[in-house]
Protein backbone atom coordinates (compact mmCIF):
# COMPACT_ATOMS: atom_id res chain seq x y z
CA MET A 1 -45.45 2.14 -97.97
CA ARG A 2 -41.94 3.34 -98.56
CA SER A 3 -40.25 2.17 -101.74
CA ASP A 4 -36.68 3.14 -100.80
CA ILE A 5 -36.19 0.46 -98.09
CA LEU A 6 -37.37 -3.16 -97.90
CA PRO A 7 -38.21 -4.50 -94.43
CA LEU A 8 -36.10 -7.22 -92.84
CA CYS A 9 -37.71 -10.27 -91.24
CA ASP A 10 -37.81 -9.90 -87.46
CA LYS A 11 -36.96 -13.59 -86.94
CA HIS A 12 -33.73 -13.98 -88.93
CA PHE A 13 -33.21 -10.57 -90.57
CA ARG A 14 -33.57 -11.66 -94.21
CA THR A 15 -34.87 -9.15 -96.76
CA MET A 16 -38.62 -9.36 -97.28
CA GLU A 17 -40.34 -9.12 -100.67
CA PRO A 18 -43.54 -7.31 -101.68
CA PHE A 19 -46.54 -9.60 -102.07
CA SER A 20 -50.23 -9.16 -102.81
CA ALA A 21 -52.96 -11.57 -101.69
CA PRO A 22 -56.51 -11.45 -103.09
CA TYR A 23 -59.09 -10.70 -100.40
CA ASN A 24 -62.12 -10.68 -102.67
CA ALA A 25 -62.89 -9.94 -106.34
CA ASP A 26 -62.28 -6.20 -105.93
CA TYR A 27 -59.61 -5.94 -103.26
CA CYS A 28 -56.10 -7.25 -102.57
CA ILE A 29 -54.03 -7.03 -99.40
CA ASP A 30 -50.49 -5.77 -99.94
CA PHE A 31 -47.76 -6.82 -97.51
CA PHE A 32 -44.17 -8.05 -97.35
CA ARG A 33 -43.18 -11.66 -96.79
CA CYS A 34 -39.89 -13.21 -95.74
CA THR A 35 -37.70 -14.69 -98.46
CA ALA A 36 -36.29 -17.45 -96.23
CA GLN A 37 -37.47 -20.95 -97.11
CA PHE A 38 -40.34 -22.16 -94.89
CA CYS A 39 -40.62 -18.81 -93.06
CA ARG A 40 -44.19 -17.50 -93.03
CA ARG A 41 -43.40 -14.20 -91.31
CA CYS A 42 -44.97 -11.09 -92.88
CA PHE A 43 -44.94 -7.33 -92.35
CA SER A 44 -48.11 -5.32 -92.87
CA GLU A 45 -48.29 -1.53 -92.60
CA ARG A 46 -51.34 -1.75 -90.35
CA LEU A 47 -50.42 -4.76 -88.19
CA GLY A 48 -46.64 -4.83 -88.19
CA TYR A 49 -44.92 -8.23 -88.01
CA VAL A 50 -47.27 -11.24 -88.02
CA THR A 51 -47.29 -14.94 -88.87
CA PRO A 52 -50.65 -15.57 -90.56
CA LYS A 53 -52.53 -18.80 -89.86
CA TRP A 54 -55.35 -20.00 -92.06
CA GLY A 55 -58.76 -19.25 -90.56
CA GLU A 56 -57.38 -17.32 -87.58
CA ALA A 57 -57.11 -13.62 -86.81
CA PRO A 58 -53.52 -12.36 -87.02
CA GLN A 59 -51.59 -12.35 -83.74
CA PHE A 60 -49.32 -9.34 -83.39
CA SER A 61 -47.15 -8.07 -80.58
CA SER A 62 -47.99 -4.88 -78.73
CA GLN A 63 -44.23 -4.54 -78.11
CA GLN A 64 -43.48 -3.58 -81.73
CA PRO A 65 -42.10 -0.04 -82.00
CA ARG A 66 -44.52 2.53 -83.43
CA CYS A 67 -43.91 5.85 -85.13
CA ASP A 68 -44.58 8.75 -82.74
CA TYR A 69 -46.04 10.84 -85.59
CA HIS A 70 -48.12 8.31 -87.53
CA SER A 71 -48.81 5.66 -84.83
CA ARG A 72 -47.98 2.94 -87.34
CA PRO A 73 -45.84 -0.13 -86.64
CA MET A 74 -42.23 0.41 -87.68
CA PHE A 75 -40.24 -2.13 -89.68
CA ILE A 76 -36.66 -3.33 -89.30
CA SER A 77 -34.64 -1.34 -91.82
CA SER A 78 -31.15 -2.52 -90.88
CA LEU A 79 -29.15 -4.63 -88.48
CA ASP A 80 -25.81 -3.59 -86.97
CA ARG A 81 -24.19 -6.87 -85.93
CA GLN A 82 -21.06 -5.16 -84.55
CA ARG A 83 -23.07 -3.11 -82.06
CA ASN A 84 -25.92 -5.65 -81.69
CA MET A 85 -28.49 -3.01 -82.68
CA ILE A 86 -31.69 -3.31 -84.71
CA HIS A 87 -32.73 -0.13 -86.56
CA TYR A 88 -36.42 0.53 -87.23
CA SER A 89 -38.03 2.96 -89.71
CA CYS A 90 -41.56 4.28 -90.19
CA PRO A 91 -43.34 2.84 -93.27
CA GLU A 92 -44.84 6.25 -94.12
CA PRO A 93 -43.12 7.78 -97.18
CA ASN A 94 -40.82 10.72 -96.32
CA CYS A 95 -41.04 10.09 -92.57
CA ARG A 96 -37.64 10.21 -90.90
CA GLU A 97 -38.77 8.74 -87.57
CA THR A 98 -36.52 5.88 -86.48
CA ALA A 99 -35.96 3.70 -83.43
CA ARG A 100 -33.20 1.39 -82.23
CA GLU A 101 -33.29 -1.74 -80.14
CA ASP A 102 -30.43 -3.50 -78.42
CA ILE A 103 -30.57 -7.14 -79.53
CA LEU A 104 -29.20 -8.47 -76.26
CA SER A 105 -31.35 -6.53 -73.79
CA GLY A 106 -34.39 -5.82 -75.97
CA SER A 107 -34.43 -2.18 -74.83
CA GLN A 108 -35.56 0.47 -77.29
CA ALA A 109 -34.01 3.88 -77.88
CA ARG A 110 -35.19 6.69 -80.16
């Protein structure tokens, strides 16, 4: 995962923080979680944006933008409120692949 940019939550665009959850005695799952109070939204490099629920498989959207080179879900790297644009970046270090989405229409541009 990139260390130069922190993802923004896709629900209210707050900065997410790195977090690690134990899976078993030998393995932890690393992801980012929203810093807003009571928000359970997370970003995982493999799944993208999800809201985990205890005892259930994660539900993720197939509409999330993916990197054309790495086929990984992209994260929200910035929000341009003047132009109503969301900017996405690939989580792969040194990848410069980006995408944009118009907040109002939901259409994506590369």
